[in-house]
Protein backbone atom coordinates (compact mmCIF):
# COMPACT_ATOMS: atom_id res chain seq x y z
CA MET A 1 4.47 -23.83 37.62
CA LYS A 2 6.91 -22.64 34.95
CA LEU A 3 5.86 -20.53 31.95
CA HIS A 4 8.02 -19.65 28.95
CA PHE A 5 6.89 -16.64 26.88
CA ILE A 6 7.79 -16.68 23.18
CA GLY A 7 8.17 -13.08 22.04
CA ILE A 8 8.28 -11.78 25.62
CA GLY A 9 9.41 -8.33 24.48
CA GLY A 10 6.10 -7.59 22.81
CA ILE A 11 4.21 -4.75 24.46
CA GLY A 12 1.34 -7.02 25.50
CA MET A 13 3.40 -10.11 26.26
CA SER A 14 5.90 -8.31 28.49
CA GLY A 15 3.16 -6.87 30.69
CA LEU A 16 1.44 -10.25 30.90
CA ALA A 17 4.76 -11.90 31.84
CA ALA A 18 5.20 -9.40 34.67
CA MET A 19 1.66 -10.08 35.88
CA ALA A 20 2.24 -13.86 35.78
CA HIS A 21 5.49 -13.44 37.70
CA ASP A 22 3.66 -11.35 40.32
CA SER A 23 1.05 -14.09 40.55
CA GLY A 24 3.67 -16.65 41.60
CA PHE A 25 4.64 -18.35 38.33
CA GLN A 26 8.23 -19.03 37.35
CA VAL A 27 8.66 -17.02 34.16
CA THR A 28 11.24 -17.07 31.38
CA GLY A 29 11.03 -15.69 27.87
CA SER A 30 12.70 -15.31 24.50
CA ASP A 31 12.66 -12.59 21.88
CA ARG A 32 14.18 -11.82 18.50
CA GLY A 33 14.88 -8.26 19.59
CA ALA A 34 16.36 -9.05 23.01
CA ASP A 35 19.65 -7.29 22.21
CA LYS A 36 18.25 -4.22 20.43
CA PRO A 37 18.90 -0.97 22.34
CA GLU A 38 15.43 0.44 21.62
CA ASN A 39 13.81 -2.48 23.48
CA GLN A 40 15.83 -2.28 26.69
CA ARG A 41 13.24 -0.18 28.56
CA ILE A 42 11.15 -3.37 28.59
CA PHE A 43 13.84 -6.03 28.94
CA SER A 44 15.72 -4.28 31.74
CA ALA A 45 12.52 -4.13 33.82
CA LEU A 46 11.76 -7.82 33.20
CA LYS A 47 15.29 -8.81 34.21
CA LYS A 48 15.03 -6.80 37.45
CA GLN A 49 11.94 -8.84 38.28
CA GLY A 50 14.05 -12.01 37.99
CA ILE A 51 12.75 -13.05 34.57
CA LYS A 52 15.46 -14.70 32.45
CA ILE A 53 15.55 -13.68 28.77
CA TYR A 54 16.88 -16.01 26.05
CA PRO A 55 17.59 -15.42 22.37
CA GLN A 56 14.76 -16.87 20.30
CA ASN A 57 16.68 -19.89 19.00
CA GLY A 58 15.37 -22.75 21.14
CA SER A 59 18.24 -22.52 23.62
CA PHE A 60 15.86 -22.07 26.55
CA ALA A 61 15.11 -25.82 26.40
CA GLN A 62 18.66 -26.62 27.59
CA ASP A 63 17.64 -25.41 31.06
CA GLY A 64 14.60 -27.67 31.18
CA LEU A 65 11.20 -27.48 29.51
CA PRO A 66 8.44 -25.37 31.08
CA ASP A 67 4.96 -26.55 32.02
CA TYR A 68 3.47 -24.30 29.33
CA LEU A 69 4.63 -22.24 26.36
CA VAL A 70 2.83 -18.88 26.23
CA TYR A 71 2.45 -17.51 22.71
CA SER A 72 0.56 -14.91 20.72
CA THR A 73 -1.14 -15.09 17.34
CA ALA A 74 1.95 -13.50 15.75
CA ILE A 75 4.17 -16.53 16.51
CA GLU A 76 4.74 -18.75 13.46
CA GLU A 77 4.50 -22.54 13.68
CA ASP A 78 8.16 -22.96 12.67
CA ASN A 79 9.39 -20.75 15.52
CA PRO A 80 12.62 -22.25 16.97
CA ASP A 81 11.15 -22.31 20.49
CA PHE A 82 8.16 -24.33 19.29
CA LEU A 83 10.48 -26.74 17.49
CA ALA A 84 12.70 -27.18 20.57
CA SER A 85 9.82 -27.73 22.99
CA GLY A 86 8.58 -31.14 21.83
CA ASN A 87 5.08 -31.84 23.16
CA THR A 88 5.08 -29.07 25.77
CA PRO A 89 1.50 -27.73 26.10
CA ARG A 90 0.80 -24.32 24.64
CA LEU A 91 -1.25 -21.52 26.15
CA HIS A 92 -2.41 -18.53 24.11
CA ARG A 93 -1.73 -15.24 25.89
CA SER A 94 -5.47 -14.46 26.11
CA ALA A 95 -6.16 -17.85 27.76
CA LEU A 96 -3.45 -17.16 30.33
CA LEU A 97 -4.83 -13.69 31.04
CA GLU A 98 -8.31 -15.13 31.56
CA LYS A 99 -6.89 -17.66 34.04
CA LEU A 100 -5.02 -14.89 35.88
CA MET A 101 -8.17 -12.76 36.05
CA GLN A 102 -10.14 -15.69 37.48
CA SER A 103 -7.66 -15.75 40.35
CA LEU A 104 -8.17 -12.04 41.20
CA GLU A 105 -10.34 -12.54 44.23
CA GLY A 106 -12.55 -9.58 45.11
CA LYS A 107 -11.51 -7.48 42.10
CA SER A 108 -13.80 -6.06 39.40
CA THR A 109 -12.38 -6.46 35.90
CA ILE A 110 -12.75 -3.65 33.34
CA ALA A 111 -11.93 -4.36 29.68
CA VAL A 112 -11.22 -1.47 27.30
CA THR A 113 -11.48 -2.24 23.59
CA GLY A 114 -12.18 -0.65 20.22
CA SER A 115 -10.29 0.01 17.00
CA CYS A 116 -8.68 3.24 18.20
CA GLY A 117 -7.62 4.71 21.52
CA LYS A 118 -7.89 1.63 23.74
CA SER A 119 -4.31 1.85 25.03
CA THR A 120 -4.72 5.54 25.86
CA VAL A 121 -8.08 4.99 27.56
CA THR A 122 -6.80 1.97 29.51
CA ALA A 123 -3.92 4.05 30.93
CA TYR A 124 -6.08 7.16 31.42
CA LEU A 125 -8.80 5.19 33.24
CA ALA A 126 -6.26 3.48 35.49
CA GLU A 127 -4.63 6.83 36.25
CA ALA A 128 -8.03 8.41 37.02
CA LEU A 129 -8.78 5.58 39.47
CA PHE A 130 -5.31 6.10 40.94
CA ASN A 131 -6.04 9.83 41.31
CA LEU A 132 -9.19 8.81 43.23
CA ASN A 133 -6.98 6.81 45.64
CA LEU A 134 -8.56 3.53 44.48
CA GLU A 135 -5.19 1.82 43.79
CA PRO A 136 -6.12 -0.01 40.55
CA SER A 137 -4.19 -2.79 38.85
CA CYS A 138 -3.58 -2.29 35.14
CA LEU A 139 -2.38 -4.32 32.15
CA ASN A 140 -1.96 -2.38 28.94
CA GLY A 141 -0.65 -2.52 25.39
CA ALA A 142 1.36 0.67 25.94
CA LEU A 143 3.75 2.09 28.53
CA SER A 144 2.13 4.44 31.04
CA LYS A 145 4.48 7.26 32.04
CA ARG A 146 2.83 7.60 35.46
CA PHE A 147 3.28 3.92 36.29
CA LYS A 148 6.82 3.46 34.96
CA SER A 149 9.54 2.50 37.44
CA ASP A 150 12.84 0.64 37.43
CA PHE A 151 10.92 -2.52 38.26
CA TYR A 152 8.00 -2.09 35.85
CA ALA A 153 8.17 -0.75 32.30
CA GLY A 154 4.73 0.87 32.57
CA ASN A 155 2.45 -1.62 30.80
CA TYR A 156 1.66 -3.46 34.04
CA ARG A 157 0.86 -2.07 37.46
CA PRO A 158 -0.04 -4.20 40.48
CA GLY A 159 -2.55 -2.51 42.76
CA SER A 160 -4.23 -3.30 46.06
CA GLY A 161 -7.62 -1.85 45.08
CA LYS A 162 -10.74 -3.53 43.74
CA TYR A 163 -10.38 -2.62 40.04
CA PHE A 164 -8.30 -4.39 37.39
CA VAL A 165 -8.23 -2.41 34.12
CA PHE A 166 -6.88 -4.03 30.96
CA GLU A 167 -6.74 -3.56 27.21
CA ALA A 168 -8.71 -6.22 25.31
CA ASP A 169 -7.40 -6.81 21.81
CA GLU A 170 -9.82 -7.19 18.93
CA SER A 171 -7.13 -7.67 16.27
CA ASP A 172 -7.08 -11.48 16.63
CA LYS A 173 -10.54 -11.70 18.30
CA SER A 174 -8.85 -12.88 21.49
CA LEU A 175 -11.11 -10.59 23.55
CA LEU A 176 -13.78 -13.27 23.12
CA ASN A 177 -11.82 -15.39 25.61
CA TYR A 178 -12.47 -12.95 28.46
CA GLN A 179 -15.27 -12.98 31.04
CA VAL A 180 -15.35 -9.49 32.59
CA ASP A 181 -17.42 -7.32 34.89
CA TYR A 182 -17.37 -4.10 32.84
CA ALA A 183 -16.46 -3.19 29.27
CA VAL A 184 -15.76 0.02 27.35
CA ILE A 185 -16.01 -0.17 23.54
CA LEU A 186 -14.76 3.05 22.00
CA ASN A 187 -15.28 2.80 18.23
CA ILE A 188 -15.30 0.62 15.14
CA GLY A 189 -12.62 1.44 12.59
CA THR A 190 -10.66 0.15 9.62
CA ASP A 191 -7.78 -1.93 10.85
CA HIS A 192 -8.05 -5.73 10.79
CA TYR A 193 -11.63 -6.55 9.68
CA SER A 194 -14.60 -4.99 7.97
CA LYS A 195 -16.81 -2.92 10.24
CA GLU A 196 -19.60 -5.50 9.84
CA GLU A 197 -17.40 -8.36 11.01
CA LEU A 198 -16.00 -6.31 13.86
CA ALA A 199 -19.52 -5.38 15.00
CA GLU A 200 -20.29 -9.10 15.31
CA VAL A 201 -17.10 -9.64 17.32
CA PHE A 202 -17.97 -6.84 19.73
CA GLY A 203 -21.55 -8.11 19.91
CA LYS A 204 -20.36 -11.58 20.95
CA PHE A 205 -18.00 -10.04 23.48
CA LEU A 206 -20.86 -8.19 25.18
CA HIS A 207 -22.34 -11.58 26.10
CA ASN A 208 -19.21 -12.12 28.25
CA VAL A 209 -19.82 -8.91 30.25
CA ARG A 210 -21.52 -9.33 33.61
CA CYS A 211 -22.24 -5.91 35.14
CA GLY A 212 -22.34 -3.17 32.50
CA ALA A 213 -20.92 -1.71 29.31
CA VAL A 214 -20.07 1.79 28.05
CA LEU A 215 -20.39 2.23 24.28
CA SER A 216 -19.91 5.12 21.90
CA SER A 217 -23.04 5.98 19.92
CA GLU A 218 -21.27 4.68 16.79
CA VAL A 219 -20.65 1.31 18.43
CA TYR A 220 -24.15 1.15 19.91
CA ALA A 221 -25.73 1.67 16.47
CA SER A 222 -23.63 -1.21 15.09
CA VAL A 223 -24.08 -3.73 17.92
CA GLU A 224 -27.54 -2.89 19.31
CA LYS A 225 -29.09 -6.09 17.97
CA PHE A 226 -26.41 -8.18 19.73
CA ILE A 227 -26.66 -6.62 23.21
CA PRO A 228 -28.00 -8.99 25.91
CA GLN A 229 -31.33 -7.71 27.24
CA ASN A 230 -30.25 -7.74 30.88
CA LEU A 231 -26.94 -5.90 30.38
CA PRO A 232 -26.90 -2.27 31.63
CA VAL A 233 -25.50 0.00 28.90
CA SER A 234 -24.44 3.67 28.98
CA ILE A 235 -23.87 5.52 25.70
CA PHE A 236 -21.59 8.51 25.10
CA TYR A 237 -21.99 10.84 22.13
CA SER A 238 -19.59 12.93 20.06
CA GLU A 239 -22.03 15.86 19.99
CA ALA A 240 -24.79 17.23 22.21
CA GLY A 241 -28.49 16.64 21.63
CA GLU A 242 -31.80 16.07 23.34
CA GLY A 243 -31.85 12.99 25.54
CA LYS A 244 -28.07 12.53 25.44
CA LYS A 245 -26.91 12.20 29.04
CA PHE A 246 -23.19 11.87 28.23
CA ALA A 247 -22.16 14.04 25.27
CA LEU A 248 -19.18 16.11 24.14
CA GLU A 249 -20.91 19.46 23.81
CA ASN A 250 -17.80 21.42 22.87
CA TYR A 251 -14.05 21.09 22.45
CA PHE A 252 -11.72 24.08 22.22
CA VAL A 253 -8.19 25.25 22.99
CA ARG A 254 -7.69 28.32 25.18
CA ASP A 255 -4.35 29.62 26.47
CA HIS A 256 -2.60 26.56 25.00
CA ARG A 257 -4.80 24.21 27.05
CA ALA A 258 -7.47 21.90 25.62
CA HIS A 259 -10.94 21.99 27.15
CA ALA A 260 -13.89 19.62 26.81
CA VAL A 261 -17.44 20.51 27.80
CA PHE A 262 -19.58 17.55 28.84
CA SER A 263 -23.33 18.13 28.52
CA ASN A 264 -25.04 18.17 31.93
CA TYR A 265 -21.73 18.03 33.83
CA GLY A 266 -19.50 20.99 32.98
CA GLU A 267 -16.05 21.75 31.64
CA LEU A 268 -12.91 19.64 31.90
CA ARG A 269 -9.42 21.08 31.44
CA LEU A 270 -7.92 18.24 29.44
CA PRO A 271 -4.38 17.13 30.25
CA ILE A 272 -3.79 16.14 26.60
CA THR A 273 -4.73 17.85 23.36
CA GLY A 274 -6.94 16.58 20.52
CA ARG A 275 -10.69 16.35 20.18
CA HIS A 276 -10.43 12.56 20.14
CA ASN A 277 -8.96 12.78 23.64
CA GLY A 278 -12.00 14.78 24.71
CA LEU A 279 -14.05 11.77 23.64
CA ASN A 280 -11.64 9.43 25.41
CA ALA A 281 -12.11 11.40 28.62
CA LEU A 282 -15.88 11.33 28.13
CA ALA A 283 -15.81 7.52 27.78
CA ILE A 284 -13.96 7.26 31.09
CA PHE A 285 -16.31 9.77 32.74
CA THR A 286 -19.26 7.63 31.61
CA LEU A 287 -17.66 4.46 33.00
CA LEU A 288 -16.84 6.13 36.32
CA ASP A 289 -20.50 7.17 36.58
CA MET A 290 -21.49 3.52 36.06
CA LEU A 291 -19.12 2.58 38.88
CA GLY A 292 -20.85 5.09 41.17
CA ILE A 293 -18.20 7.82 40.95
CA LYS A 294 -20.07 10.99 40.05
CA GLY A 295 -19.62 14.48 38.61
CA GLU A 296 -17.02 16.71 40.24
CA ALA A 297 -14.92 13.86 41.62
CA SER A 298 -14.60 12.33 38.15
CA LEU A 299 -13.76 15.64 36.47
CA LYS A 300 -11.03 16.34 39.03
CA ALA A 301 -9.58 12.83 38.59
CA LEU A 302 -9.47 13.33 34.81
CA GLU A 303 -7.58 16.62 34.96
CA ARG A 304 -4.25 14.84 35.40
CA PHE A 305 -2.97 12.24 32.97
CA ASP A 306 0.75 11.89 32.35
CA GLY A 307 0.17 10.08 29.05
CA ILE A 308 1.71 7.01 27.49
CA PHE A 309 4.86 6.36 25.56
CA ARG A 310 4.70 7.22 21.83
CA ARG A 311 1.36 9.08 21.89
CA THR A 312 1.98 12.64 20.66
CA ASP A 313 5.39 12.54 22.34
CA PHE A 314 7.38 15.73 21.75
CA ALA A 315 10.94 14.80 20.77
CA GLY A 316 12.35 18.32 20.36
CA HIS A 317 13.23 20.79 17.59
CA THR A 318 15.35 20.29 14.49
CA PRO A 319 18.33 22.64 14.05
CA GLN A 320 16.08 24.64 11.68
CA GLY A 321 13.37 24.98 14.36
CA ALA A 322 10.75 22.47 13.19
CA MET A 323 8.96 20.61 16.00
CA VAL A 324 9.33 16.80 16.01
CA PHE A 325 6.73 14.42 17.45
CA ASP A 326 6.63 10.63 17.86
CA ASP A 327 3.32 8.75 17.68
CA TYR A 328 2.06 5.15 17.58
CA ALA A 329 -0.67 5.91 14.99
CA HIS A 330 -0.96 2.98 12.58
CA ASN A 331 -4.46 2.77 11.08
CA PRO A 332 -6.43 5.35 9.05
CA GLU A 333 -8.49 6.69 11.96
CA LYS A 334 -5.49 7.03 14.27
CA ILE A 335 -3.32 8.62 11.58
CA ILE A 336 -5.96 11.24 10.76
CA SER A 337 -6.54 11.99 14.46
CA CYS A 338 -2.78 12.41 14.85
CA LEU A 339 -2.59 14.80 11.89
CA ASP A 340 -5.56 16.80 13.20
CA THR A 341 -3.78 17.13 16.55
CA MET A 342 -0.58 18.26 14.82
CA ARG A 343 -2.60 20.92 13.00
CA GLU A 344 -3.96 22.07 16.34
CA ILE A 345 -0.47 22.32 17.84
CA GLY A 346 1.15 24.29 15.01
CA GLY A 347 0.07 26.32 12.02
CA GLY A 348 2.83 25.40 9.58
CA ARG A 349 3.30 22.50 7.20
CA ILE A 350 3.09 18.90 8.39
CA PHE A 351 5.73 16.38 7.35
CA ALA A 352 4.12 13.06 8.30
CA VAL A 353 6.36 9.98 8.15
CA PHE A 354 4.53 6.67 8.41
CA GLN A 355 6.02 3.18 8.70
CA PRO A 356 3.26 0.53 8.23
CA HIS A 357 3.41 -2.25 10.83
CA GLY A 358 3.33 -5.00 8.22
CA PHE A 359 2.66 -5.73 4.56
CA GLY A 360 -0.78 -7.18 5.28
CA PRO A 361 -1.97 -4.13 7.26
CA LEU A 362 -0.69 -1.79 4.53
CA GLY A 363 -2.65 -3.68 1.89
CA PHE A 364 -5.78 -3.70 4.04
CA MET A 365 -5.75 0.03 4.81
CA ARG A 366 -4.33 1.49 1.59
CA ASP A 367 -7.62 2.71 0.06
CA ALA A 368 -9.23 3.93 3.28
CA LEU A 369 -6.06 5.75 4.31
CA PHE A 370 -5.71 7.45 0.93
CA ALA A 371 -9.34 8.59 0.94
CA ASN A 372 -8.85 10.15 4.39
CA LEU A 373 -5.52 11.75 3.52
CA GLU A 374 -7.05 13.43 0.48
CA LYS A 375 -9.49 15.20 2.82
CA THR A 376 -6.88 16.05 5.46
CA LEU A 377 -3.62 17.08 3.79
CA SER A 378 -3.16 20.77 2.99
CA PRO A 379 -1.02 22.26 0.22
CA GLY A 380 2.59 22.05 1.34
CA ASP A 381 2.06 19.02 3.59
CA ARG A 382 3.99 15.85 2.87
CA PHE A 383 2.93 12.28 3.68
CA ILE A 384 5.97 10.02 3.45
CA LEU A 385 5.86 6.21 3.45
CA LEU A 386 8.69 4.07 4.76
CA GLU A 387 8.82 0.40 3.87
CA PRO A 388 6.66 -1.80 6.16
CA TYR A 389 8.18 -3.04 9.39
CA TYR A 390 8.74 -6.79 9.19
CA ALA A 391 8.48 -8.80 12.40
CA GLY A 392 7.71 -12.18 10.82
CA GLY A 393 4.36 -13.85 10.37
CA THR A 394 3.94 -13.44 6.61
CA THR A 395 5.13 -15.12 3.44
CA SER A 396 3.90 -12.28 1.21
CA PHE A 397 5.93 -9.12 1.00
CA LYS A 398 3.29 -7.22 -0.97
CA PRO A 399 2.33 -4.50 -1.40
CA THR A 400 5.49 -2.46 -1.03
CA SER A 401 5.28 1.16 0.02
CA ALA A 402 6.56 2.20 -3.41
CA GLU A 403 3.67 0.32 -5.09
CA VAL A 404 1.10 1.92 -2.80
CA MET A 405 2.60 5.39 -3.27
CA SER A 406 2.61 5.01 -7.05
CA ASP A 407 -1.09 4.12 -6.91
CA TRP A 408 -1.85 7.11 -4.66
CA GLU A 409 0.08 9.55 -6.84
CA SER A 410 -1.91 8.42 -9.90
CA ARG A 411 -5.16 9.36 -8.13
CA ALA A 412 -4.14 12.29 -5.94
CA ALA A 413 -5.51 15.79 -6.33
CA ARG A 414 -2.01 17.07 -5.41
CA LYS A 415 0.76 14.59 -6.25
CA GLU A 416 3.27 16.68 -4.31
CA ASN A 417 1.55 15.71 -1.04
CA TYR A 418 2.92 12.16 -1.33
CA LEU A 419 6.45 10.82 -1.18
CA THR A 420 8.24 7.54 -0.49
CA ILE A 421 11.85 7.40 0.73
CA GLU A 422 13.08 3.91 1.57
CA LYS A 423 16.20 4.66 3.63
CA ARG A 424 15.95 6.46 6.94
CA ASP A 425 19.29 8.25 6.54
CA THR A 426 18.21 9.67 3.19
CA LEU A 427 14.88 10.72 4.66
CA LYS A 428 16.60 12.38 7.63
CA SER A 429 18.70 14.54 5.33
CA TRP A 430 15.64 15.44 3.28
CA LEU A 431 13.56 16.37 6.35
CA LEU A 432 16.31 18.50 7.87
CA GLU A 433 16.69 20.33 4.57
CA HIS A 434 12.98 21.00 3.91
CA ALA A 435 11.24 21.38 7.31
CA CYS A 436 11.57 24.90 8.74
CA GLN A 437 10.61 26.78 11.89
CA GLY A 438 6.84 26.60 12.33
CA ASP A 439 6.60 23.23 10.57
CA ILE A 440 5.92 19.92 12.32
CA ILE A 441 7.53 16.54 11.65
CA VAL A 442 5.63 13.56 13.07
CA ILE A 443 7.02 10.01 12.98
CA MET A 444 4.23 7.40 13.05
CA GLY A 445 4.06 3.61 13.21
CA ALA A 446 3.49 0.63 15.51
CA ARG A 447 5.60 -2.20 16.92
CA ASP A 448 9.01 -0.71 16.07
CA ASN A 449 10.47 1.10 19.10
CA SER A 450 13.39 2.38 17.04
CA LEU A 451 11.01 4.96 15.53
CA SER A 452 11.27 6.91 18.80
CA ASP A 453 15.06 6.97 18.53
CA TYR A 454 14.72 8.09 14.91
CA ALA A 455 12.45 10.98 15.92
CA LEU A 456 14.99 12.01 18.55
CA SER A 457 17.82 11.85 15.99
CA LEU A 458 16.17 14.67 14.02
CA THR A 459 16.41 17.08 16.95
CA LYS A 460 19.22 19.29 18.11
C-alpha cells in the first residue's frame, strides 16, 4: 500500500513516515521546506531510507496517486497536494499511528503526554529502557541524540524489545485516537486550551488506557473524577510529604552536576540540569516501577541521557565571552523553566530571544507569559520578541510581536526588561554588542530549525 505524507518534514510526520516505511508501506512525501538547509538532518535520513521527497506543489500526483494521503491538523484545505489528489482517501497522522500500533504484535505501548516536557520524557524513557538492555522502539516529536544515525534522524527508533514508547500530542486532541497499555501525563499548562478543557481531554484519554497510568499530583487533582475505577494509577509529587511514595524530596547542584533525591529511594545524579528535569526523571522512575523495574536498576538506567536536539543545547561563546544556548521552549511554562535553568548555569544577565511559533499561540499565551516573566526576570535581563514564525494555517496575522511588546511595556515594573527587534541581523549586532562574559544568550522557539543555526552564528 502506498502512503503520501503532506508536510513530511514535520518533526512528528517524519518519524511516523519512517515507522510506516519500516512497517512495509511504500512512502513518499512533500514539504514546503524540502530545500532549506536547516531541515536536511531530517530529509537526508528519509531519503537514505528510500523515501522520495517532492516539493509541495501537487507534482507528486504525476507519478501516480497513493492509496492514502497522510496529513496533520496543520495542513490547510487548499494545500496543492490535496487539490491534485482528487478523491484519494485521507488518513490523519494519529489514525495511521493507531493502525501501526495495532500491528505491533507482542509489544506494550507507552504514551507520554502533557503540556510540557513530553518530548524530553519520551526520549529519556526510551533511553532508560535502552540502558536496561530492553531494546525499546520509540516515536517522538524531537530528535534523540542517542538514537540519531545516518539512517534515522533520531525521532524514530525501531527496536526488537517489548516496549513501544511514543509522544502523544494534546495540541489537536489527537491523543484521543490512541488505545494504549500505559500512559504518563506530566502536567497541565497554558498552551492550546484552558486547563479545564485540557483536564477533560486527559480524562477522556485515560479511558483508552488498559494497564496503568502515571500522573503528576497536579494532573491527578484535575482529572481524578474522570479516572476509570479499574485503572491502576501511580502519582508522583514535586515535594516530599507523608504518604507520598514517589516524591522529589530535594534538588541541588553540586560540583557542576545536578542531583535529585527521590523520597524512599535515594539520590540520582541527573544527566541534565534543571529542577523540572528532576521531576521528569521521577515520572520515568515511577513508570519503570509500574513496569516491575525497581529501585537501584532504575536509578542506574536514569544516570545516562544524551538529551534531545534543541533542549538546552550549548552553541558556544560569543567573541565577548557570553554563553549561547538553543532551546525549543515555546509556551509560558517551558519558557520559565528554560530561564530558571539558565539562571542555574550562569550568574550573569540573561538575554532571552523568543520567536513565537505562530500568531494564534502568541495571542493565546501573551497574558500568562507576561505574568510569569514579571516574576522571573531580574534587573539587567532582556526578553526579546521576534516576529512569529509563519508556517501557514492562519488567515489572521494578529497580534504582532510589536503589539504584544507595547502592551507589556505599558504594564511592566521594569520597561527595560522588554525589547522587540524584528530583523535577525539587527538583533545579532545588538546582542554581540551588549552581552558580555558571564552573561547568557538563549534562543527559544518551536518549529523553525533555523533558530539553531542562528544561535550558532552568534558564537566564535
